Structures are given as C-alpha cells and as structure tokens.
PDB file of N, CA and C in Angstrom:
ATOM      1  N   MET A   1     -66.460 -25.273  61.802  1.00  0.00           N
ATOM      2  CA  MET A   1     -65.109 -25.044  62.281  1.00  0.00           C
ATOM      3  C   MET A   1     -64.157 -25.949  61.472  1.00  0.00           C
ATOM      4  N   MET A   2     -62.998 -25.413  61.119  1.00  0.00           N
ATOM      5  CA  MET A   2     -62.051 -26.115  60.299  1.00  0.00           C
ATOM      6  C   MET A   2     -61.078 -26.930  61.170  1.00  0.00           C
ATOM      7  N   GLY A   3     -60.807 -28.159  60.740  1.00  0.00           N
ATOM      8  CA  GLY A   3     -59.898 -29.012  61.467  1.00  0.00           C
ATOM      9  C   GLY A   3     -58.439 -28.673  61.151  1.00  0.00           C
ATOM     10  N   ALA A   4     -57.554 -29.264  61.932  1.00  0.00           N
ATOM     11  CA  ALA A   4     -56.135 -29.004  61.749  1.00  0.00           C
ATOM     12  C   ALA A   4     -55.600 -29.433  60.391  1.00  0.00           C
ATOM     13  N   SER A   5     -56.083 -30.541  59.857  1.00  0.00           N
ATOM     14  CA  SER A   5     -55.594 -30.974  58.521  1.00  0.00           C
ATOM     15  C   SER A   5     -56.031 -29.977  57.441  1.00  0.00           C
ATOM     16  N   GLN A   6     -57.236 -29.450  57.546  1.00  0.00           N
ATOM     17  CA  GLN A   6     -57.679 -28.467  56.530  1.00  0.00           C
ATOM     18  C   GLN A   6     -56.849 -27.179  56.658  1.00  0.00           C
ATOM     19  N   ARG A   7     -56.527 -26.772  57.874  1.00  0.00           N
ATOM     20  CA  ARG A   7     -55.703 -25.569  58.061  1.00  0.00           C
ATOM     21  C   ARG A   7     -54.298 -25.773  57.478  1.00  0.00           C
ATOM     22  N   ARG A   8     -53.749 -26.953  57.690  1.00  0.00           N
ATOM     23  CA  ARG A   8     -52.429 -27.286  57.144  1.00  0.00           C
ATOM     24  C   ARG A   8     -52.447 -27.283  55.634  1.00  0.00           C
ATOM     25  N   LYS A   9     -53.490 -27.865  55.066  1.00  0.00           N
ATOM     26  CA  LYS A   9     -53.641 -27.894  53.593  1.00  0.00           C
ATOM     27  C   LYS A   9     -53.729 -26.484  53.025  1.00  0.00           C
ATOM     28  N   GLY A  10     -54.530 -25.644  53.673  1.00  0.00           N
ATOM     29  CA  GLY A  10     -54.697 -24.277  53.272  1.00  0.00           C
ATOM     30  C   GLY A  10     -53.404 -23.492  53.320  1.00  0.00           C
ATOM     31  N   ALA A  11     -52.712 -23.642  54.447  1.00  0.00           N
ATOM     32  CA  ALA A  11     -51.408 -22.956  54.608  1.00  0.00           C
ATOM     33  C   ALA A  11     -50.384 -23.390  53.594  1.00  0.00           C
ATOM     34  N   ALA A  12     -50.375 -24.716  53.276  1.00  0.00           N
ATOM     35  CA  ALA A  12     -49.443 -25.242  52.280  1.00  0.00           C
ATOM     36  C   ALA A  12     -49.752 -24.645  50.876  1.00  0.00           C
ATOM     37  N   ALA A  13     -51.060 -24.527  50.550  1.00  0.00           N
ATOM     38  CA  ALA A  13     -51.453 -23.951  49.300  1.00  0.00           C
ATOM     39  C   ALA A  13     -51.038 -22.478  49.226  1.00  0.00           C
ATOM     40  N   GLU A  14     -51.222 -21.740  50.294  1.00  0.00           N
ATOM     41  CA  GLU A  14     -50.834 -20.338  50.340  1.00  0.00           C
ATOM     42  C   GLU A  14     -49.319 -20.183  50.139  1.00  0.00           C
ATOM     43  N   ARG A  15     -48.519 -21.044  50.812  1.00  0.00           N
ATOM     44  CA  ARG A  15     -47.051 -20.996  50.674  1.00  0.00           C
ATOM     45  C   ARG A  15     -46.669 -21.300  49.241  1.00  0.00           C
ATOM     46  N   GLU A  16     -47.303 -22.272  48.609  1.00  0.00           N
ATOM     47  CA  GLU A  16     -46.979 -22.686  47.252  1.00  0.00           C
ATOM     48  C   GLU A  16     -47.230 -21.535  46.300  1.00  0.00           C
ATOM     49  N   VAL A  17     -48.376 -20.883  46.360  1.00  0.00           N
ATOM     50  CA  VAL A  17     -48.701 -19.788  45.461  1.00  0.00           C
ATOM     51  C   VAL A  17     -47.789 -18.576  45.752  1.00  0.00           C
ATOM     52  N   ALA A  18     -47.557 -18.286  47.012  1.00  0.00           N
ATOM     53  CA  ALA A  18     -46.672 -17.199  47.368  1.00  0.00           C
ATOM     54  C   ALA A  18     -45.273 -17.368  46.725  1.00  0.00           C
ATOM     55  N   ALA A  19     -44.765 -18.582  46.808  1.00  0.00           N
ATOM     56  CA  ALA A  19     -43.432 -18.877  46.236  1.00  0.00           C
ATOM     57  C   ALA A  19     -43.458 -18.722  44.732  1.00  0.00           C
ATOM     58  N   MET A  20     -44.537 -19.199  44.085  1.00  0.00           N
ATOM     59  CA  MET A  20     -44.612 -19.069  42.611  1.00  0.00           C
ATOM     60  C   MET A  20     -44.647 -17.633  42.170  1.00  0.00           C
ATOM     61  N   MET A  21     -45.270 -16.743  42.972  1.00  0.00           N
ATOM     62  CA  MET A  21     -45.442 -15.335  42.625  1.00  0.00           C
ATOM     63  C   MET A  21     -44.346 -14.475  43.172  1.00  0.00           C
ATOM     64  N   GLY A  22     -43.461 -15.019  43.984  1.00  0.00           N
ATOM     65  CA  GLY A  22     -42.427 -14.205  44.600  1.00  0.00           C
ATOM     66  C   GLY A  22     -42.943 -13.269  45.661  1.00  0.00           C
ATOM     67  N   LEU A  23     -44.002 -13.652  46.335  1.00  0.00           N
ATOM     68  CA  LEU A  23     -44.637 -12.853  47.364  1.00  0.00           C
ATOM     69  C   LEU A  23     -44.548 -13.566  48.705  1.00  0.00           C
ATOM     70  N   ALA A  24     -44.973 -12.912  49.757  1.00  0.00           N
ATOM     71  CA  ALA A  24     -44.985 -13.534  51.081  1.00  0.00           C
ATOM     72  C   ALA A  24     -46.398 -13.900  51.462  1.00  0.00           C
ATOM     73  N   ARG A  25     -46.513 -14.965  52.216  1.00  0.00           N
ATOM     74  CA  ARG A  25     -47.826 -15.420  52.727  1.00  0.00           C
ATOM     75  C   ARG A  25     -48.202 -14.592  53.931  1.00  0.00           C
ATOM     76  N   ASN A  26     -49.477 -14.235  53.997  1.00  0.00           N
ATOM     77  CA  ASN A  26     -50.012 -13.475  55.123  1.00  0.00           C
ATOM     78  C   ASN A  26     -50.668 -14.470  56.090  1.00  0.00           C
ATOM     79  N   ALA A  27     -49.879 -14.931  57.108  1.00  0.00           N
ATOM     80  CA  ALA A  27     -50.413 -15.871  58.075  1.00  0.00           C
ATOM     81  C   ALA A  27     -51.068 -15.085  59.205  1.00  0.00           C
ATOM     82  N   ARG A  28     -52.284 -14.651  58.997  1.00  0.00           N
ATOM     83  CA  ARG A  28     -52.903 -13.660  59.857  1.00  0.00           C
ATOM     84  C   ARG A  28     -53.838 -14.192  60.908  1.00  0.00           C
ATOM     85  N   ASN A  29     -54.190 -15.486  60.831  1.00  0.00           N
ATOM     86  CA  ASN A  29     -55.086 -16.104  61.825  1.00  0.00           C
ATOM     87  C   ASN A  29     -56.391 -15.360  62.011  1.00  0.00           C
ATOM     88  N   GLY A  30     -57.085 -15.083  60.916  1.00  0.00           N
ATOM     89  CA  GLY A  30     -58.414 -14.516  61.014  1.00  0.00           C
ATOM     90  C   GLY A  30     -58.536 -13.000  60.817  1.00  0.00           C
ATOM     91  N   LEU A  31     -57.449 -12.299  60.701  1.00  0.00           N
ATOM     92  CA  LEU A  31     -57.592 -10.862  60.413  1.00  0.00           C
ATOM     93  C   LEU A  31     -58.111 -10.626  59.026  1.00  0.00           C
ATOM     94  N   GLN A  32     -58.749  -9.514  58.809  1.00  0.00           N
ATOM     95  CA  GLN A  32     -59.275  -9.220  57.488  1.00  0.00           C
ATOM     96  C   GLN A  32     -58.186  -8.697  56.528  1.00  0.00           C
ATOM     97  N   ALA A  33     -57.584  -9.598  55.873  1.00  0.00           N
ATOM     98  CA  ALA A  33     -56.536  -9.267  54.887  1.00  0.00           C
ATOM     99  C   ALA A  33     -56.457 -10.405  53.865  1.00  0.00           C
ATOM    100  N   GLY A  34     -55.803 -10.155  52.744  1.00  0.00           N
ATOM    101  CA  GLY A  34     -55.669 -11.202  51.748  1.00  0.00           C
ATOM    102  C   GLY A  34     -54.700 -12.246  52.197  1.00  0.00           C
ATOM    103  N   ASP A  35     -54.622 -13.341  51.435  1.00  0.00           N
ATOM    104  CA  ASP A  35     -53.734 -14.470  51.764  1.00  0.00           C
ATOM    105  C   ASP A  35     -52.283 -14.152  51.441  1.00  0.00           C
ATOM    106  N   LEU A  36     -52.048 -13.156  50.585  1.00  0.00           N
ATOM    107  CA  LEU A  36     -50.677 -12.858  50.180  1.00  0.00           C
ATOM    108  C   LEU A  36     -50.404 -11.373  50.443  1.00  0.00           C
ATOM    109  N   PHE A  37     -49.192 -11.040  50.845  1.00  0.00           N
ATOM    110  CA  PHE A  37     -48.784  -9.634  51.024  1.00  0.00           C
ATOM    111  C   PHE A  37     -48.465  -9.087  49.611  1.00  0.00           C
ATOM    112  N   VAL A  38     -49.105  -7.984  49.301  1.00  0.00           N
ATOM    113  CA  VAL A  38     -48.813  -7.336  48.004  1.00  0.00           C
ATOM    114  C   VAL A  38     -48.491  -5.874  48.265  1.00  0.00           C
ATOM    115  N   PRO A  39     -47.776  -5.186  47.355  1.00  0.00           N
ATOM    116  CA  PRO A  39     -47.482  -3.794  47.546  1.00  0.00           C
ATOM    117  C   PRO A  39     -48.796  -2.968  47.671  1.00  0.00           C
ATOM    118  N   ASP A  40     -48.730  -1.867  48.398  1.00  0.00           N
ATOM    119  CA  ASP A  40     -49.933  -1.035  48.589  1.00  0.00           C
ATOM    120  C   ASP A  40     -50.517  -0.576  47.309  1.00  0.00           C
ATOM    121  N   CYS A  41     -49.663  -0.380  46.273  1.00  0.00           N
ATOM    122  CA  CYS A  41     -50.164   0.133  44.996  1.00  0.00           C
ATOM    123  C   CYS A  41     -50.868  -0.972  44.161  1.00  0.00           C
ATOM    124  N   CYS A  42     -50.717  -2.185  44.566  1.00  0.00           N
ATOM    125  CA  CYS A  42     -51.340  -3.311  43.822  1.00  0.00           C
ATOM    126  C   CYS A  42     -52.861  -3.284  44.097  1.00  0.00           C
ATOM    127  N   PRO A  43     -53.668  -3.259  43.043  1.00  0.00           N
ATOM    128  CA  PRO A  43     -55.119  -3.167  43.230  1.00  0.00           C
ATOM    129  C   PRO A  43     -55.783  -4.518  43.530  1.00  0.00           C
ATOM    130  N   TYR A  44     -55.020  -5.541  43.742  1.00  0.00           N
ATOM    131  CA  TYR A  44     -55.582  -6.887  43.891  1.00  0.00           C
ATOM    132  C   TYR A  44     -55.442  -7.403  45.313  1.00  0.00           C
ATOM    133  N   SER A  45     -56.424  -8.177  45.759  1.00  0.00           N
ATOM    134  CA  SER A  45     -56.364  -8.908  46.999  1.00  0.00           C
ATOM    135  C   SER A  45     -56.575 -10.351  46.654  1.00  0.00           C
ATOM    136  N   PHE A  46     -55.798 -11.270  47.210  1.00  0.00           N
ATOM    137  CA  PHE A  46     -55.827 -12.659  46.803  1.00  0.00           C
ATOM    138  C   PHE A  46     -56.364 -13.572  47.889  1.00  0.00           C
ATOM    139  N   GLU A  47     -57.219 -14.467  47.499  1.00  0.00           N
ATOM    140  CA  GLU A  47     -57.689 -15.537  48.384  1.00  0.00           C
ATOM    141  C   GLU A  47     -57.313 -16.834  47.697  1.00  0.00           C
ATOM    142  N   VAL A  48     -56.552 -17.665  48.357  1.00  0.00           N
ATOM    143  CA  VAL A  48     -56.054 -18.912  47.757  1.00  0.00           C
ATOM    144  C   VAL A  48     -56.955 -20.037  48.222  1.00  0.00           C
ATOM    145  N   LYS A  49     -57.454 -20.838  47.320  1.00  0.00           N
ATOM    146  CA  LYS A  49     -58.303 -21.985  47.600  1.00  0.00           C
ATOM    147  C   LYS A  49     -57.778 -23.211  46.888  1.00  0.00           C
ATOM    148  N   ARG A  50     -57.752 -24.328  47.573  1.00  0.00           N
ATOM    149  CA  ARG A  50     -57.379 -25.597  46.941  1.00  0.00           C
ATOM    150  C   ARG A  50     -58.353 -26.651  47.399  1.00  0.00           C
ATOM    151  N   ARG A  51     -59.031 -27.269  46.449  1.00  0.00           N
ATOM    152  CA  ARG A  51     -60.045 -28.289  46.756  1.00  0.00           C
ATOM    153  C   ARG A  51     -59.846 -29.469  45.878  1.00  0.00           C
ATOM    154  N   GLY A  52     -60.418 -30.588  46.287  1.00  0.00           N
ATOM    155  CA  GLY A  52     -60.254 -31.824  45.562  1.00  0.00           C
ATOM    156  C   GLY A  52     -60.799 -31.792  44.144  1.00  0.00           C
ATOM    157  N   ARG A  53     -62.105 -31.568  43.994  1.00  0.00           N
ATOM    158  CA  ARG A  53     -62.690 -31.636  42.650  1.00  0.00           C
ATOM    159  C   ARG A  53     -63.694 -30.519  42.379  1.00  0.00           C
ATOM    160  N   ALA A  54     -63.802 -29.550  43.245  1.00  0.00           N
ATOM    161  CA  ALA A  54     -64.821 -28.522  43.112  1.00  0.00           C
ATOM    162  C   ALA A  54     -64.641 -27.646  41.889  1.00  0.00           C
ATOM    163  N   TYR A  55     -63.458 -27.561  41.360  1.00  0.00           N
ATOM    164  CA  TYR A  55     -63.171 -26.651  40.283  1.00  0.00           C
ATOM    165  C   TYR A  55     -63.019 -27.336  38.928  1.00  0.00           C
ATOM    166  N   GLY A  56     -63.487 -28.544  38.808  1.00  0.00           N
ATOM    167  CA  GLY A  56     -63.364 -29.293  37.579  1.00  0.00           C
ATOM    168  C   GLY A  56     -63.951 -28.574  36.381  1.00  0.00           C
ATOM    169  N   THR A  57     -65.097 -27.902  36.559  1.00  0.00           N
ATOM    170  CA  THR A  57     -65.748 -27.244  35.414  1.00  0.00           C
ATOM    171  C   THR A  57     -64.922 -26.045  34.979  1.00  0.00           C
ATOM    172  N   VAL A  58     -64.215 -25.403  35.902  1.00  0.00           N
ATOM    173  CA  VAL A  58     -63.357 -24.276  35.525  1.00  0.00           C
ATOM    174  C   VAL A  58     -62.218 -24.745  34.605  1.00  0.00           C
ATOM    175  N   TYR A  59     -61.600 -25.863  34.990  1.00  0.00           N
ATOM    176  CA  TYR A  59     -60.501 -26.388  34.168  1.00  0.00           C
ATOM    177  C   TYR A  59     -61.044 -26.801  32.789  1.00  0.00           C
ATOM    178  N   ALA A  60     -62.216 -27.395  32.744  1.00  0.00           N
ATOM    179  CA  ALA A  60     -62.802 -27.801  31.497  1.00  0.00           C
ATOM    180  C   ALA A  60     -63.028 -26.578  30.608  1.00  0.00           C
ATOM    181  N   ALA A  61     -63.520 -25.511  31.201  1.00  0.00           N
ATOM    182  CA  ALA A  61     -63.809 -24.268  30.460  1.00  0.00           C
ATOM    183  C   ALA A  61     -62.521 -23.681  29.936  1.00  0.00           C
ATOM    184  N   LEU A  62     -61.430 -23.685  30.756  1.00  0.00           N
ATOM    185  CA  LEU A  62     -60.144 -23.176  30.278  1.00  0.00           C
ATOM    186  C   LEU A  62     -59.620 -24.031  29.130  1.00  0.00           C
ATOM    187  N   ASP A  63     -59.741 -25.358  29.259  1.00  0.00           N
ATOM    188  CA  ASP A  63     -59.319 -26.236  28.192  1.00  0.00           C
ATOM    189  C   ASP A  63     -60.089 -25.931  26.898  1.00  0.00           C
ATOM    190  N   GLN A  64     -61.399 -25.721  27.063  1.00  0.00           N
ATOM    191  CA  GLN A  64     -62.221 -25.443  25.865  1.00  0.00           C
ATOM    192  C   GLN A  64     -61.806 -24.122  25.224  1.00  0.00           C
ATOM    193  N   ALA A  65     -61.581 -23.104  26.033  1.00  0.00           N
ATOM    194  CA  ALA A  65     -61.161 -21.781  25.521  1.00  0.00           C
ATOM    195  C   ALA A  65     -59.783 -21.915  24.823  1.00  0.00           C
ATOM    196  N   GLN A  66     -58.892 -22.724  25.383  1.00  0.00           N
ATOM    197  CA  GLN A  66     -57.598 -22.906  24.759  1.00  0.00           C
ATOM    198  C   GLN A  66     -57.712 -23.593  23.403  1.00  0.00           C
ATOM    199  N   GLY A  67     -58.701 -24.499  23.303  1.00  0.00           N
ATOM    200  CA  GLY A  67     -58.907 -25.205  22.058  1.00  0.00           C
ATOM    201  C   GLY A  67     -59.340 -24.336  20.910  1.00  0.00           C
ATOM    202  N   TYR A  68     -60.003 -23.216  21.217  1.00  0.00           N
ATOM    203  CA  TYR A  68     -60.454 -22.336  20.160  1.00  0.00           C
ATOM    204  C   TYR A  68     -59.288 -21.647  19.423  1.00  0.00           C
ATOM    205  N   ARG A  69     -58.317 -21.126  20.218  1.00  0.00           N
ATOM    206  CA  ARG A  69     -57.173 -20.418  19.648  1.00  0.00           C
ATOM    207  C   ARG A  69     -55.975 -20.757  20.496  1.00  0.00           C
ATOM    208  N   LYS A  70     -55.064 -21.512  19.972  1.00  0.00           N
ATOM    209  CA  LYS A  70     -53.839 -21.898  20.695  1.00  0.00           C
ATOM    210  C   LYS A  70     -52.937 -20.695  20.957  1.00  0.00           C
ATOM    211  N   ASP A  71     -53.054 -19.646  20.134  1.00  0.00           N
ATOM    212  CA  ASP A  71     -52.170 -18.507  20.244  1.00  0.00           C
ATOM    213  C   ASP A  71     -52.691 -17.447  21.254  1.00  0.00           C
ATOM    214  N   LYS A  72     -53.806 -17.721  21.933  1.00  0.00           N
ATOM    215  CA  LYS A  72     -54.399 -16.730  22.843  1.00  0.00           C
ATOM    216  C   LYS A  72     -54.353 -17.313  24.274  1.00  0.00           C
ATOM    217  N   ILE A  73     -54.398 -16.398  25.241  1.00  0.00           N
ATOM    218  CA  ILE A  73     -54.501 -16.789  26.649  1.00  0.00           C
ATOM    219  C   ILE A  73     -55.972 -17.154  26.965  1.00  0.00           C
ATOM    220  N   PRO A  74     -56.181 -18.394  27.426  1.00  0.00           N
ATOM    221  CA  PRO A  74     -57.566 -18.807  27.743  1.00  0.00           C
ATOM    222  C   PRO A  74     -58.058 -18.166  29.033  1.00  0.00           C
ATOM    223  N   VAL A  75     -59.294 -17.707  29.012  1.00  0.00           N
ATOM    224  CA  VAL A  75     -59.962 -17.129  30.186  1.00  0.00           C
ATOM    225  C   VAL A  75     -61.330 -17.770  30.290  1.00  0.00           C
ATOM    226  N   ALA A  76     -61.662 -18.265  31.487  1.00  0.00           N
ATOM    227  CA  ALA A  76     -63.001 -18.830  31.725  1.00  0.00           C
ATOM    228  C   ALA A  76     -63.858 -17.773  32.418  1.00  0.00           C
ATOM    229  N   LEU A  77     -64.986 -17.451  31.907  1.00  0.00           N
ATOM    230  CA  LEU A  77     -65.928 -16.539  32.525  1.00  0.00           C
ATOM    231  C   LEU A  77     -66.966 -17.393  33.217  1.00  0.00           C
ATOM    232  N   ILE A  78     -67.047 -17.296  34.539  1.00  0.00           N
ATOM    233  CA  ILE A  78     -67.907 -18.231  35.286  1.00  0.00           C
ATOM    234  C   ILE A  78     -68.792 -17.417  36.294  1.00  0.00           C
ATOM    235  N   ARG A  79     -69.880 -18.001  36.690  1.00  0.00           N
ATOM    236  CA  ARG A  79     -70.775 -17.334  37.643  1.00  0.00           C
ATOM    237  C   ARG A  79     -71.655 -18.376  38.317  1.00  0.00           C
ATOM    238  N   ASP A  80     -71.772 -18.294  39.623  1.00  0.00           N
ATOM    239  CA  ASP A  80     -72.773 -19.073  40.330  1.00  0.00           C
ATOM    240  C   ASP A  80     -74.092 -18.325  40.324  1.00  0.00           C
ATOM    241  N   ASP A  81     -75.188 -19.002  40.565  1.00  0.00           N
ATOM    242  CA  ASP A  81     -76.477 -18.342  40.628  1.00  0.00           C
ATOM    243  C   ASP A  81     -76.438 -17.212  41.637  1.00  0.00           C
ATOM    244  N   ARG A  82     -76.984 -16.085  41.293  1.00  0.00           N
ATOM    245  CA  ARG A  82     -77.084 -14.926  42.171  1.00  0.00           C
ATOM    246  C   ARG A  82     -75.754 -14.423  42.630  1.00  0.00           C
ATOM    247  N   ARG A  83     -74.714 -14.602  41.855  1.00  0.00           N
ATOM    248  CA  ARG A  83     -73.380 -14.076  42.185  1.00  0.00           C
ATOM    249  C   ARG A  83     -72.824 -13.355  40.970  1.00  0.00           C
ATOM    250  N   GLU A  84     -71.751 -12.612  41.163  1.00  0.00           N
ATOM    251  CA  GLU A  84     -71.155 -11.864  40.058  1.00  0.00           C
ATOM    252  C   GLU A  84     -70.323 -12.774  39.149  1.00  0.00           C
ATOM    253  N   TRP A  85     -70.043 -12.278  37.981  1.00  0.00           N
ATOM    254  CA  TRP A  85     -69.189 -13.007  37.027  1.00  0.00           C
ATOM    255  C   TRP A  85     -67.742 -12.934  37.464  1.00  0.00           C
ATOM    256  N   LEU A  86     -67.016 -13.986  37.216  1.00  0.00           N
ATOM    257  CA  LEU A  86     -65.579 -14.058  37.516  1.00  0.00           C
ATOM    258  C   LEU A  86     -64.809 -14.405  36.276  1.00  0.00           C
ATOM    259  N   ALA A  87     -63.641 -13.831  36.132  1.00  0.00           N
ATOM    260  CA  ALA A  87     -62.717 -14.184  35.041  1.00  0.00           C
ATOM    261  C   ALA A  87     -61.588 -14.996  35.667  1.00  0.00           C
ATOM    262  N   VAL A  88     -61.437 -16.232  35.193  1.00  0.00           N
ATOM    263  CA  VAL A  88     -60.427 -17.119  35.732  1.00  0.00           C
ATOM    264  C   VAL A  88     -59.403 -17.420  34.646  1.00  0.00           C
ATOM    265  N   PHE A  89     -58.146 -17.308  34.975  1.00  0.00           N
ATOM    266  CA  PHE A  89     -57.049 -17.601  34.054  1.00  0.00           C
ATOM    267  C   PHE A  89     -55.941 -18.306  34.813  1.00  0.00           C
ATOM    268  N   ARG A  90     -55.003 -18.866  34.050  1.00  0.00           N
ATOM    269  CA  ARG A  90     -53.888 -19.564  34.662  1.00  0.00           C
ATOM    270  C   ARG A  90     -52.919 -18.585  35.288  1.00  0.00           C
ATOM    271  N   LEU A  91     -52.378 -18.925  36.445  1.00  0.00           N
ATOM    272  CA  LEU A  91     -51.429 -18.058  37.141  1.00  0.00           C
ATOM    273  C   LEU A  91     -50.245 -17.760  36.243  1.00  0.00           C
ATOM    274  N   GLU A  92     -49.725 -18.767  35.497  1.00  0.00           N
ATOM    275  CA  GLU A  92     -48.597 -18.547  34.631  1.00  0.00           C
ATOM    276  C   GLU A  92     -48.846 -17.463  33.566  1.00  0.00           C
ATOM    277  N   ASP A  93     -50.116 -17.304  33.168  1.00  0.00           N
ATOM    278  CA  ASP A  93     -50.451 -16.269  32.221  1.00  0.00           C
ATOM    279  C   ASP A  93     -50.504 -14.859  32.826  1.00  0.00           C
ATOM    280  N   ALA A  94     -50.568 -14.806  34.158  1.00  0.00           N
ATOM    281  CA  ALA A  94     -50.681 -13.530  34.862  1.00  0.00           C
ATOM    282  C   ALA A  94     -49.362 -13.052  35.419  1.00  0.00           C
ATOM    283  N   LYS A  95     -48.339 -13.868  35.366  1.00  0.00           N
ATOM    284  CA  LYS A  95     -47.049 -13.561  36.015  1.00  0.00           C
ATOM    285  C   LYS A  95     -46.523 -12.189  35.581  1.00  0.00           C
ATOM    286  N   VAL A  96     -46.734 -11.849  34.303  1.00  0.00           N
ATOM    287  CA  VAL A  96     -46.171 -10.583  33.790  1.00  0.00           C
ATOM    288  C   VAL A  96     -46.652  -9.374  34.621  1.00  0.00           C
ATOM    289  N   TRP A  97     -47.894  -9.355  34.985  1.00  0.00           N
ATOM    290  CA  TRP A  97     -48.359  -8.150  35.692  1.00  0.00           C
ATOM    291  C   TRP A  97     -48.692  -8.399  37.157  1.00  0.00           C
ATOM    292  N   LEU A  98     -48.514  -9.593  37.663  1.00  0.00           N
ATOM    293  CA  LEU A  98     -48.765  -9.840  39.114  1.00  0.00           C
ATOM    294  C   LEU A  98     -47.489 -10.014  39.906  1.00  0.00           C
ATOM    295  N   THR A  99     -46.352 -10.045  39.280  1.00  0.00           N
ATOM    296  CA  THR A  99     -45.110 -10.263  40.013  1.00  0.00           C
ATOM    297  C   THR A  99     -44.671  -8.993  40.719  1.00  0.00           C
ATOM    298  N   PRO A 100     -43.814  -9.143  41.718  1.00  0.00           N
ATOM    299  CA  PRO A 100     -43.345  -7.941  42.495  1.00  0.00           C
ATOM    300  C   PRO A 100     -42.720  -6.879  41.602  1.00  0.00           C
ATOM    301  N   GLY A 101     -42.070  -7.258  40.503  1.00  0.00           N
ATOM    302  CA  GLY A 101     -41.487  -6.269  39.618  1.00  0.00           C
ATOM    303  C   GLY A 101     -42.488  -5.339  39.051  1.00  0.00           C
ATOM    304  N   ALA A 102     -43.735  -5.722  38.955  1.00  0.00           N
ATOM    305  CA  ALA A 102     -44.806  -4.848  38.469  1.00  0.00           C
ATOM    306  C   ALA A 102     -45.008  -3.657  39.401  1.00  0.00           C
ATOM    307  N   ALA A 103     -44.652  -3.809  40.673  1.00  0.00           N
ATOM    308  CA  ALA A 103     -44.825  -2.748  41.642  1.00  0.00           C
ATOM    309  C   ALA A 103     -43.916  -1.592  41.331  1.00  0.00           C
ATOM    310  N   GLU A 104     -42.872  -1.804  40.588  1.00  0.00           N
ATOM    311  CA  GLU A 104     -41.934  -0.747  40.266  1.00  0.00           C
ATOM    312  C   GLU A 104     -42.308  -0.040  38.952  1.00  0.00           C
ATOM    313  N   SER A 105     -43.452  -0.387  38.403  1.00  0.00           N
ATOM    314  CA  SER A 105     -43.904   0.295  37.178  1.00  0.00           C
ATOM    315  C   SER A 105     -44.329   1.708  37.526  1.00  0.00           C
ATOM    316  N   LYS A 106     -44.499   2.510  36.530  1.00  0.00           N
ATOM    317  CA  LYS A 106     -44.852   3.935  36.771  1.00  0.00           C
ATOM    318  C   LYS A 106     -46.233   4.041  37.395  1.00  0.00           C
ATOM    319  N   ASP A 107     -47.129   3.092  37.167  1.00  0.00           N
ATOM    320  CA  ASP A 107     -48.446   3.131  37.756  1.00  0.00           C
ATOM    321  C   ASP A 107     -48.393   3.067  39.293  1.00  0.00           C
ATOM    322  N   CYS A 108     -47.451   2.339  39.828  1.00  0.00           N
ATOM    323  CA  CYS A 108     -47.333   2.201  41.280  1.00  0.00           C
ATOM    324  C   CYS A 108     -46.592   3.383  41.882  1.00  0.00           C
ATOM    325  N   ALA A 109     -45.795   4.063  41.103  1.00  0.00           N
ATOM    326  CA  ALA A 109     -45.002   5.176  41.625  1.00  0.00           C
ATOM    327  C   ALA A 109     -45.831   6.418  41.838  1.00  0.00           C
ATOM    328  N   GLU A 110     -47.012   6.474  41.244  1.00  0.00           N
ATOM    329  CA  GLU A 110     -47.849   7.657  41.342  1.00  0.00           C
ATOM    330  C   GLU A 110     -48.531   7.773  42.672  1.00  0.00           C
TER     331      GLU A 110
END
C-alpha cells in the first residue's frame, strides 16, 4: 500500500509532465487509464514514474548514445530479464509529435 507522501510525489510528477506537454493530468484514483489525458486518436498511453535512483542506468545509456553522435537524438534501448525491450528518449526530443498540436494532423482526422 502506498503512503500519502508517495501519492503526493506521484501526483506532483504527473502535474509536472502534463504541464510540460500541454496536456491534462488524469487524477483517476485507480481507474484503468493513463496518467495523462490524450486525444482519442493518439496511439500512446502514458505512465509517469519518478524515483530516486532507479533509472540511473537509463541516463547513463542516453549519455553514452549522445556521445556517439551529437547531431542525433539519443535513444536508450533497455530490457529487464524476461520483459520486452523499451525505447527511452528525452521528453524534449518527443515534443514535436507528442504535443496536442499533433492531434490536428491529418493522421488524427481520419
């Protein structure tokens, strides 16, 4: 069971990411939905996590990928044992196609 301080920390992280992306936070209290409201045509569902040091290796991998080519967007490909591969990138690199304006593209109008 999660304590009040962990719930506050999680809610603050969700608000921060929602504001950065120009989206609304989905304060659903346990319903099965993503952490952020996105247009129906958006194929993504978001779960926001913020932890003290659990993601250190992801940041190291992104730094290493950035070191190879400064002119490219770094992407870390990561996987836990017996889990699927994940592609992790910086939110600022995804703003172009994750912002609400992307919902007005022709792909969403279909």
